[in-house]
Amino acid sequence: SNAQCETNITGQITNANNKSLWGTFILGFIGGLI
């Protein structure tokens, strides 16, 4: 829950690979097609 997150300058939380929610959505959509 914590080690994979880091806080950027604006205080927004991103995951370890810096994927946005849209990036996660696109990957999930591609996974659904597969």
Full PDB file with SEQRES, HELIX, SHEET, SSBOND, CRYST1, ORIGX, SCALE, CONECT and MASTER records, all heavy atoms in Angstrom:
SEQRES   1 A   34  SER ASN ALA GLN CYS GLU THR ASN ILE THR GLY GLN ILE          
SEQRES   2 A   34  THR ASN ALA ASN ASN LYS SER LEU TRP GLY THR PHE ILE          
SEQRES   3 A   34  LEU GLY PHE ILE GLY GLY LEU ILE                              
HELIX    1 AA1 LEU A   21  LEU A   33  1                                  13    
CRYST1    1.000    1.000    1.000  90.00  90.00  90.00 P 1           1          
ORIGX1      1.000000  0.000000  0.000000        0.00000                         
ORIGX2      0.000000  1.000000  0.000000        0.00000                         
ORIGX3      0.000000  0.000000  1.000000        0.00000                         
SCALE1      1.000000  0.000000  0.000000        0.00000                         
SCALE2      0.000000  1.000000  0.000000        0.00000                         
SCALE3      0.000000  0.000000  1.000000        0.00000                         
ATOM      1  N   SER A   1       0.793  -1.229   0.000  1.00  0.00           N  
ATOM      2  CA  SER A   1       0.000   0.000   0.000  1.00  0.00           C  
ATOM      3  C   SER A   1       0.819   1.269   0.000  1.00  0.00           C  
ATOM      4  O   SER A   1       0.316   2.322  -0.334  1.00  0.00           O  
ATOM      5  CB  SER A   1      -0.922   0.018   1.222  1.00  0.00           C  
ATOM      6  OG  SER A   1      -0.159   0.011   2.402  1.00  0.00           O  
ATOM      7  N   ASN A   2       2.110   1.189   0.348  1.00  0.00           N  
ATOM      8  CA  ASN A   2       2.887   2.425   0.463  1.00  0.00           C  
ATOM      9  C   ASN A   2       4.193   2.405  -0.302  1.00  0.00           C  
ATOM     10  O   ASN A   2       4.567   3.394  -0.915  1.00  0.00           O  
ATOM     11  CB  ASN A   2       3.190   2.713   1.937  1.00  0.00           C  
ATOM     12  CG  ASN A   2       1.911   2.972   2.701  1.00  0.00           C  
ATOM     13  OD1 ASN A   2       1.173   3.872   2.394  1.00  0.00           O  
ATOM     14  ND2 ASN A   2       1.649   2.147   3.695  1.00  0.00           N  
ATOM     15  N   ALA A   3       4.919   1.286  -0.267  1.00  0.00           N  
ATOM     16  CA  ALA A   3       6.262   1.284  -0.830  1.00  0.00           C  
ATOM     17  C   ALA A   3       6.250   1.510  -2.328  1.00  0.00           C  
ATOM     18  O   ALA A   3       7.212   1.969  -2.892  1.00  0.00           O  
ATOM     19  CB  ALA A   3       6.959  -0.046  -0.525  1.00  0.00           C  
ATOM     20  N   GLN A   4       5.138   1.185  -2.999  1.00  0.00           N  
ATOM     21  CA  GLN A   4       5.079   1.353  -4.432  1.00  0.00           C  
ATOM     22  C   GLN A   4       4.592   2.739  -4.837  1.00  0.00           C  
ATOM     23  O   GLN A   4       4.343   2.992  -5.990  1.00  0.00           O  
ATOM     24  CB  GLN A   4       4.155   0.284  -5.024  1.00  0.00           C  
ATOM     25  CG  GLN A   4       4.697  -1.129  -4.865  1.00  0.00           C  
ATOM     26  CD  GLN A   4       6.007  -1.312  -5.580  1.00  0.00           C  
ATOM     27  OE1 GLN A   4       6.178  -0.890  -6.710  1.00  0.00           O  
ATOM     28  NE2 GLN A   4       6.960  -1.944  -4.938  1.00  0.00           N  
ATOM     29  N   CYS A   5       4.385   3.630  -3.866  1.00  0.00           N  
ATOM     30  CA  CYS A   5       3.893   4.970  -4.185  1.00  0.00           C  
ATOM     31  C   CYS A   5       4.916   6.012  -3.782  1.00  0.00           C  
ATOM     32  O   CYS A   5       5.672   5.816  -2.845  1.00  0.00           O  
ATOM     33  CB  CYS A   5       2.581   5.256  -3.453  1.00  0.00           C  
ATOM     34  SG  CYS A   5       1.220   4.202  -4.007  1.00  0.00           S  
ATOM     35  N   GLU A   6       4.910   7.108  -4.477  1.00  0.00           N  
ATOM     36  CA  GLU A   6       5.771   8.212  -4.092  1.00  0.00           C  
ATOM     37  C   GLU A   6       5.010   9.503  -4.344  1.00  0.00           C  
ATOM     38  O   GLU A   6       4.137   9.582  -5.199  1.00  0.00           O  
ATOM     39  CB  GLU A   6       7.081   8.189  -4.868  1.00  0.00           C  
ATOM     40  CG  GLU A   6       6.913   8.181  -6.371  1.00  0.00           C  
ATOM     41  CD  GLU A   6       8.241   8.005  -7.064  1.00  0.00           C  
ATOM     42  OE1 GLU A   6       9.099   7.288  -6.539  1.00  0.00           O  
ATOM     43  OE2 GLU A   6       8.408   8.594  -8.137  1.00  0.00           O  
ATOM     44  N   THR A   7       5.323  10.523  -3.575  1.00  0.00           N  
ATOM     45  CA  THR A   7       4.624  11.792  -3.683  1.00  0.00           C  
ATOM     46  C   THR A   7       5.414  12.739  -4.568  1.00  0.00           C  
ATOM     47  O   THR A   7       6.593  12.956  -4.347  1.00  0.00           O  
ATOM     48  CB  THR A   7       4.458  12.409  -2.287  1.00  0.00           C  
ATOM     49  OG1 THR A   7       3.798  11.466  -1.459  1.00  0.00           O  
ATOM     50  CG2 THR A   7       3.644  13.681  -2.363  1.00  0.00           C  
ATOM     51  N   ASN A   8       4.736  13.296  -5.569  1.00  0.00           N  
ATOM     52  CA  ASN A   8       5.429  14.259  -6.414  1.00  0.00           C  
ATOM     53  C   ASN A   8       5.288  15.661  -5.831  1.00  0.00           C  
ATOM     54  O   ASN A   8       4.728  15.845  -4.761  1.00  0.00           O  
ATOM     55  CB  ASN A   8       4.910  14.178  -7.865  1.00  0.00           C  
ATOM     56  CG  ASN A   8       3.413  14.429  -7.932  1.00  0.00           C  
ATOM     57  OD1 ASN A   8       2.857  15.109  -7.080  1.00  0.00           O  
ATOM     58  ND2 ASN A   8       2.762  13.884  -8.951  1.00  0.00           N  
ATOM     59  N   ILE A   9       5.794  16.679  -6.533  1.00  0.00           N  
ATOM     60  CA  ILE A   9       5.866  18.022  -5.976  1.00  0.00           C  
ATOM     61  C   ILE A   9       4.483  18.580  -5.677  1.00  0.00           C  
ATOM     62  O   ILE A   9       4.277  19.289  -4.706  1.00  0.00           O  
ATOM     63  CB  ILE A   9       6.615  18.952  -6.955  1.00  0.00           C  
ATOM     64  CG1 ILE A   9       8.062  18.481  -7.095  1.00  0.00           C  
ATOM     65  CG2 ILE A   9       6.573  20.401  -6.502  1.00  0.00           C  
ATOM     66  CD1 ILE A   9       8.853  19.256  -8.098  1.00  0.00           C  
ATOM     67  N   THR A  10       3.486  18.240  -6.496  1.00  0.00           N  
ATOM     68  CA  THR A  10       2.151  18.791  -6.291  1.00  0.00           C  
ATOM     69  C   THR A  10       1.347  18.001  -5.284  1.00  0.00           C  
ATOM     70  O   THR A  10       0.210  18.335  -5.006  1.00  0.00           O  
ATOM     71  CB  THR A  10       1.384  18.809  -7.626  1.00  0.00           C  
ATOM     72  OG1 THR A  10       1.260  17.466  -8.104  1.00  0.00           O  
ATOM     73  CG2 THR A  10       2.105  19.650  -8.652  1.00  0.00           C  
ATOM     74  N   GLY A  11       1.925  16.940  -4.726  1.00  0.00           N  
ATOM     75  CA  GLY A  11       1.222  16.167  -3.717  1.00  0.00           C  
ATOM     76  C   GLY A  11       0.328  15.091  -4.305  1.00  0.00           C  
ATOM     77  O   GLY A  11      -0.384  14.414  -3.586  1.00  0.00           O  
ATOM     78  N   GLN A  12       0.329  14.919  -5.634  1.00  0.00           N  
ATOM     79  CA  GLN A  12      -0.488  13.885  -6.233  1.00  0.00           C  
ATOM     80  C   GLN A  12       0.205  12.550  -6.085  1.00  0.00           C  
ATOM     81  O   GLN A  12       1.419  12.455  -6.093  1.00  0.00           O  
ATOM     82  CB  GLN A  12      -0.719  14.181  -7.718  1.00  0.00           C  
ATOM     83  CG  GLN A  12      -1.508  15.480  -7.950  1.00  0.00           C  
ATOM     84  CD  GLN A  12      -1.593  15.800  -9.420  1.00  0.00           C  
ATOM     85  OE1 GLN A  12      -0.736  15.393 -10.196  1.00  0.00           O  
ATOM     86  NE2 GLN A  12      -2.623  16.532  -9.803  1.00  0.00           N  
ATOM     87  N   ILE A  13      -0.586  11.508  -5.961  1.00  0.00           N  
ATOM     88  CA  ILE A  13      -0.027  10.170  -5.791  1.00  0.00           C  
ATOM     89  C   ILE A  13      -0.049   9.451  -7.114  1.00  0.00           C  
ATOM     90  O   ILE A  13      -1.066   9.391  -7.799  1.00  0.00           O  
ATOM     91  CB  ILE A  13      -0.839   9.369  -4.759  1.00  0.00           C  
ATOM     92  CG1 ILE A  13      -0.852  10.100  -3.428  1.00  0.00           C  
ATOM     93  CG2 ILE A  13      -0.280   7.976  -4.575  1.00  0.00           C  
ATOM     94  CD1 ILE A  13       0.508  10.275  -2.810  1.00  0.00           C  
ATOM     95  N   THR A  14       1.105   8.886  -7.484  1.00  0.00           N  
ATOM     96  CA  THR A  14       1.207   8.060  -8.676  1.00  0.00           C  
ATOM     97  C   THR A  14       1.758   6.717  -8.282  1.00  0.00           C  
ATOM     98  O   THR A  14       2.334   6.562  -7.218  1.00  0.00           O  
ATOM     99  CB  THR A  14       2.141   8.711  -9.723  1.00  0.00           C  
ATOM    100  OG1 THR A  14       3.437   8.866  -9.138  1.00  0.00           O  
ATOM    101  CG2 THR A  14       1.616  10.080 -10.139  1.00  0.00           C  
ATOM    102  N   ASN A  15       1.599   5.725  -9.135  1.00  0.00           N  
ATOM    103  CA  ASN A  15       2.143   4.411  -8.793  1.00  0.00           C  
ATOM    104  C   ASN A  15       3.602   4.344  -9.170  1.00  0.00           C  
ATOM    105  O   ASN A  15       4.173   5.294  -9.705  1.00  0.00           O  
ATOM    106  CB  ASN A  15       1.334   3.288  -9.463  1.00  0.00           C  
ATOM    107  CG  ASN A  15       1.346   3.381 -10.990  1.00  0.00           C  
ATOM    108  OD1 ASN A  15       2.266   3.928 -11.571  1.00  0.00           O  
ATOM    109  ND2 ASN A  15       0.310   2.854 -11.618  1.00  0.00           N  
ATOM    110  N   ALA A  16       4.250   3.189  -8.883  1.00  0.00           N  
ATOM    111  CA  ALA A  16       5.700   3.091  -9.035  1.00  0.00           C  
ATOM    112  C   ALA A  16       6.135   3.281 -10.475  1.00  0.00           C  
ATOM    113  O   ALA A  16       7.235   3.719 -10.737  1.00  0.00           O  
ATOM    114  CB  ALA A  16       6.184   1.741  -8.514  1.00  0.00           C  
ATOM    115  N   ASN A  17       5.282   2.896 -11.441  1.00  0.00           N  
ATOM    116  CA  ASN A  17       5.646   3.012 -12.830  1.00  0.00           C  
ATOM    117  C   ASN A  17       5.118   4.303 -13.449  1.00  0.00           C  
ATOM    118  O   ASN A  17       5.115   4.468 -14.654  1.00  0.00           O  
ATOM    119  CB  ASN A  17       5.094   1.808 -13.603  1.00  0.00           C  
ATOM    120  CG  ASN A  17       5.705   0.521 -13.121  1.00  0.00           C  
ATOM    121  OD1 ASN A  17       6.895   0.470 -12.854  1.00  0.00           O  
ATOM    122  ND2 ASN A  17       4.897  -0.529 -12.982  1.00  0.00           N  
ATOM    123  N   ASN A  18       4.624   5.256 -12.587  1.00  0.00           N  
ATOM    124  CA  ASN A  18       4.126   6.540 -13.041  1.00  0.00           C  
ATOM    125  C   ASN A  18       2.999   6.411 -14.063  1.00  0.00           C  
ATOM    126  O   ASN A  18       2.906   7.171 -15.014  1.00  0.00           O  
ATOM    127  CB  ASN A  18       5.266   7.378 -13.639  1.00  0.00           C  
ATOM    128  CG  ASN A  18       6.277   7.761 -12.594  1.00  0.00           C  
ATOM    129  OD1 ASN A  18       5.928   8.079 -11.464  1.00  0.00           O  
ATOM    130  ND2 ASN A  18       7.553   7.718 -12.961  1.00  0.00           N  
ATOM    131  N   LYS A  19       2.140   5.430 -13.899  1.00  0.00           N  
ATOM    132  CA  LYS A  19       0.997   5.249 -14.781  1.00  0.00           C  
ATOM    133  C   LYS A  19      -0.165   6.062 -14.235  1.00  0.00           C  
ATOM    134  O   LYS A  19      -0.490   5.992 -13.064  1.00  0.00           O  
ATOM    135  CB  LYS A  19       0.611   3.773 -14.890  1.00  0.00           C  
ATOM    136  CG  LYS A  19       1.657   2.891 -15.549  1.00  0.00           C  
ATOM    137  CD  LYS A  19       1.104   1.492 -15.722  1.00  0.00           C  
ATOM    138  CE  LYS A  19       2.133   0.573 -16.387  1.00  0.00           C  
ATOM    139  NZ  LYS A  19       3.251   0.302 -15.552  1.00  0.00           N  
ATOM    140  N   SER A  20      -0.826   6.802 -15.109  1.00  0.00           N  
ATOM    141  CA  SER A  20      -2.009   7.539 -14.708  1.00  0.00           C  
ATOM    142  C   SER A  20      -3.201   6.601 -14.677  1.00  0.00           C  
ATOM    143  O   SER A  20      -3.124   5.430 -15.082  1.00  0.00           O  
ATOM    144  CB  SER A  20      -2.259   8.678 -15.699  1.00  0.00           C  
ATOM    145  OG  SER A  20      -2.571   8.141 -16.992  1.00  0.00           O  
ATOM    146  N   LEU A  21      -4.334   7.133 -14.219  1.00  0.00           N  
ATOM    147  CA  LEU A  21      -5.550   6.325 -14.219  1.00  0.00           C  
ATOM    148  C   LEU A  21      -5.964   5.959 -15.636  1.00  0.00           C  
ATOM    149  O   LEU A  21      -6.462   4.861 -15.883  1.00  0.00           O  
ATOM    150  CB  LEU A  21      -6.665   7.101 -13.510  1.00  0.00           C  
ATOM    151  CG  LEU A  21      -6.495   7.295 -11.999  1.00  0.00           C  
ATOM    152  CD1 LEU A  21      -7.638   8.122 -11.447  1.00  0.00           C  
ATOM    153  CD2 LEU A  21      -6.428   5.945 -11.293  1.00  0.00           C  
ATOM    154  N   TRP A  22      -5.747   6.890 -16.568  1.00  0.00           N  
ATOM    155  CA  TRP A  22      -6.074   6.579 -17.963  1.00  0.00           C  
ATOM    156  C   TRP A  22      -5.175   5.467 -18.497  1.00  0.00           C  
ATOM    157  O   TRP A  22      -5.640   4.587 -19.246  1.00  0.00           O  
ATOM    158  CB  TRP A  22      -5.933   7.835 -18.836  1.00  0.00           C  
ATOM    159  CG  TRP A  22      -7.138   8.722 -18.789  1.00  0.00           C  
ATOM    160  CD1 TRP A  22      -7.232   9.956 -18.228  1.00  0.00           C  
ATOM    161  CD2 TRP A  22      -8.445   8.417 -19.294  1.00  0.00           C  
ATOM    162  NE1 TRP A  22      -8.505  10.460 -18.350  1.00  0.00           N  
ATOM    163  CE2 TRP A  22      -9.275   9.537 -19.005  1.00  0.00           C  
ATOM    164  CE3 TRP A  22      -8.984   7.336 -19.961  1.00  0.00           C  
ATOM    165  CZ2 TRP A  22     -10.623   9.578 -19.370  1.00  0.00           C  
ATOM    166  CZ3 TRP A  22     -10.336   7.382 -20.326  1.00  0.00           C  
ATOM    167  CH2 TRP A  22     -11.141   8.494 -20.025  1.00  0.00           C  
ATOM    168  N   GLY A  23      -3.901   5.526 -18.123  1.00  0.00           N  
ATOM    169  CA  GLY A  23      -2.998   4.449 -18.553  1.00  0.00           C  
ATOM    170  C   GLY A  23      -3.418   3.112 -18.003  1.00  0.00           C  
ATOM    171  O   GLY A  23      -3.392   2.084 -18.705  1.00  0.00           O  
ATOM    172  N   THR A  24      -3.838   3.089 -16.736  1.00  0.00           N  
ATOM    173  CA  THR A  24      -4.319   1.852 -16.124  1.00  0.00           C  
ATOM    174  C   THR A  24      -5.586   1.370 -16.819  1.00  0.00           C  
ATOM    175  O   THR A  24      -5.774   0.168 -17.065  1.00  0.00           O  
ATOM    176  CB  THR A  24      -4.589   2.072 -14.627  1.00  0.00           C  
ATOM    177  OG1 THR A  24      -3.403   2.564 -14.002  1.00  0.00           O  
ATOM    178  CG2 THR A  24      -5.010   0.773 -13.955  1.00  0.00           C  
ATOM    179  N   PHE A  25      -6.487   2.318 -17.163  1.00  0.00           N  
ATOM    180  CA  PHE A  25      -7.722   1.952 -17.858  1.00  0.00           C  
ATOM    181  C   PHE A  25      -7.415   1.328 -19.218  1.00  0.00           C  
ATOM    182  O   PHE A  25      -8.012   0.307 -19.605  1.00  0.00           O  
ATOM    183  CB  PHE A  25      -8.603   3.191 -18.032  1.00  0.00           C  
ATOM    184  CG  PHE A  25      -9.805   2.968 -18.913  1.00  0.00           C  
ATOM    185  CD1 PHE A  25     -10.927   2.319 -18.419  1.00  0.00           C  
ATOM    186  CD2 PHE A  25      -9.803   3.380 -20.238  1.00  0.00           C  
ATOM    187  CE1 PHE A  25     -12.033   2.103 -19.235  1.00  0.00           C  
ATOM    188  CE2 PHE A  25     -10.891   3.161 -21.056  1.00  0.00           C  
ATOM    189  CZ  PHE A  25     -12.019   2.519 -20.550  1.00  0.00           C  
ATOM    190  N   ILE A  26      -6.498   1.944 -19.969  1.00  0.00           N  
ATOM    191  CA  ILE A  26      -6.154   1.423 -21.299  1.00  0.00           C  
ATOM    192  C   ILE A  26      -5.554   0.026 -21.197  1.00  0.00           C  
ATOM    193  O   ILE A  26      -5.887  -0.883 -21.974  1.00  0.00           O  
ATOM    194  CB  ILE A  26      -5.192   2.393 -22.016  1.00  0.00           C  
ATOM    195  CG1 ILE A  26      -5.921   3.709 -22.328  1.00  0.00           C  
ATOM    196  CG2 ILE A  26      -4.644   1.773 -23.293  1.00  0.00           C  
ATOM    197  CD1 ILE A  26      -5.015   4.801 -22.861  1.00  0.00           C  
ATOM    198  N   LEU A  27      -4.660  -0.165 -20.211  1.00  0.00           N  
ATOM    199  CA  LEU A  27      -4.072  -1.494 -20.036  1.00  0.00           C  
ATOM    200  C   LEU A  27      -5.134  -2.521 -19.661  1.00  0.00           C  
ATOM    201  O   LEU A  27      -5.119  -3.658 -20.133  1.00  0.00           O  
ATOM    202  CB  LEU A  27      -2.991  -1.441 -18.946  1.00  0.00           C  
ATOM    203  CG  LEU A  27      -1.699  -0.717 -19.317  1.00  0.00           C  
ATOM    204  CD1 LEU A  27      -0.758  -0.682 -18.127  1.00  0.00           C  
ATOM    205  CD2 LEU A  27      -1.015  -1.410 -20.491  1.00  0.00           C  
ATOM    206  N   GLY A  28      -6.087  -2.112 -18.808  1.00  0.00           N  
ATOM    207  CA  GLY A  28      -7.170  -3.029 -18.449  1.00  0.00           C  
ATOM    208  C   GLY A  28      -8.042  -3.357 -19.639  1.00  0.00           C  
ATOM    209  O   GLY A  28      -8.492  -4.502 -19.803  1.00  0.00           O  
ATOM    210  N   PHE A  29      -8.296  -2.347 -20.502  1.00  0.00           N  
ATOM    211  CA  PHE A  29      -9.109  -2.577 -21.701  1.00  0.00           C  
ATOM    212  C   PHE A  29      -8.409  -3.556 -22.650  1.00  0.00           C  
ATOM    213  O   PHE A  29      -9.035  -4.473 -23.198  1.00  0.00           O  
ATOM    214  CB  PHE A  29      -9.367  -1.239 -22.395  1.00  0.00           C  
ATOM    215  CG  PHE A  29     -10.238  -1.346 -23.619  1.00  0.00           C  
ATOM    216  CD1 PHE A  29     -11.611  -1.494 -23.496  1.00  0.00           C  
ATOM    217  CD2 PHE A  29      -9.675  -1.304 -24.884  1.00  0.00           C  
ATOM    218  CE1 PHE A  29     -12.415  -1.601 -24.623  1.00  0.00           C  
ATOM    219  CE2 PHE A  29     -10.471  -1.412 -26.016  1.00  0.00           C  
ATOM    220  CZ  PHE A  29     -11.850  -1.562 -25.888  1.00  0.00           C  
ATOM    221  N   ILE A  30      -7.097  -3.357 -22.838  1.00  0.00           N  
ATOM    222  CA  ILE A  30      -6.338  -4.273 -23.704  1.00  0.00           C  
ATOM    223  C   ILE A  30      -6.342  -5.687 -23.118  1.00  0.00           C  
ATOM    224  O   ILE A  30      -6.497  -6.681 -23.836  1.00  0.00           O  
ATOM    225  CB  ILE A  30      -4.894  -3.750 -23.881  1.00  0.00           C  
ATOM    226  CG1 ILE A  30      -4.905  -2.421 -24.643  1.00  0.00           C  
ATOM    227  CG2 ILE A  30      -4.033  -4.776 -24.610  1.00  0.00           C  
ATOM    228  CD1 ILE A  30      -3.539  -1.754 -24.728  1.00  0.00           C  
ATOM    229  N   GLY A  31      -6.200  -5.766 -21.776  1.00  0.00           N  
ATOM    230  CA  GLY A  31      -6.250  -7.077 -21.134  1.00  0.00           C  
ATOM    231  C   GLY A  31      -7.593  -7.746 -21.339  1.00  0.00           C  
ATOM    232  O   GLY A  31      -7.678  -8.970 -21.523  1.00  0.00           O  
ATOM    233  N   GLY A  32      -8.681  -6.951 -21.324  1.00  0.00           N  
ATOM    234  CA  GLY A  32     -10.004  -7.528 -21.574  1.00  0.00           C  
ATOM    235  C   GLY A  32     -10.138  -8.074 -22.982  1.00  0.00           C  
ATOM    236  O   GLY A  32     -10.745  -9.131 -23.203  1.00  0.00           O  
ATOM    237  N   LEU A  33      -9.580  -7.343 -23.974  1.00  0.00           N  
ATOM    238  CA  LEU A  33      -9.613  -7.843 -25.354  1.00  0.00           C  
ATOM    239  C   LEU A  33      -8.838  -9.144 -25.489  1.00  0.00           C  
ATOM    240  O   LEU A  33      -9.274 -10.080 -26.187  1.00  0.00           O  
ATOM    241  CB  LEU A  33      -9.042  -6.788 -26.302  1.00  0.00           C  
ATOM    242  CG  LEU A  33      -9.855  -5.485 -26.446  1.00  0.00           C  
ATOM    243  CD1 LEU A  33      -9.131  -4.526 -27.383  1.00  0.00           C  
ATOM    244  CD2 LEU A  33     -11.253  -5.780 -26.953  1.00  0.00           C  
ATOM    245  N   ILE A  34      -7.685  -9.214 -24.816  1.00  0.00           N  
ATOM    246  CA  ILE A  34      -6.909 -10.459 -24.852  1.00  0.00           C  
ATOM    247  C   ILE A  34      -7.694 -11.587 -24.181  1.00  0.00           C  
ATOM    248  O   ILE A  34      -7.672 -12.736 -24.621  1.00  0.00           O  
ATOM    249  CB  ILE A  34      -5.547 -10.245 -24.162  1.00  0.00           C  
ATOM    250  CG1 ILE A  34      -4.716  -9.223 -24.935  1.00  0.00           C  
ATOM    251  CG2 ILE A  34      -4.789 -11.558 -24.037  1.00  0.00           C  
ATOM    252  CD1 ILE A  34      -3.403  -8.846 -24.264  1.00  0.00           C  
TER     253      ILE A  34                                                      
MASTER        0    0    0    1    0    0    0    6  252    1    0    3          
END                                                                             
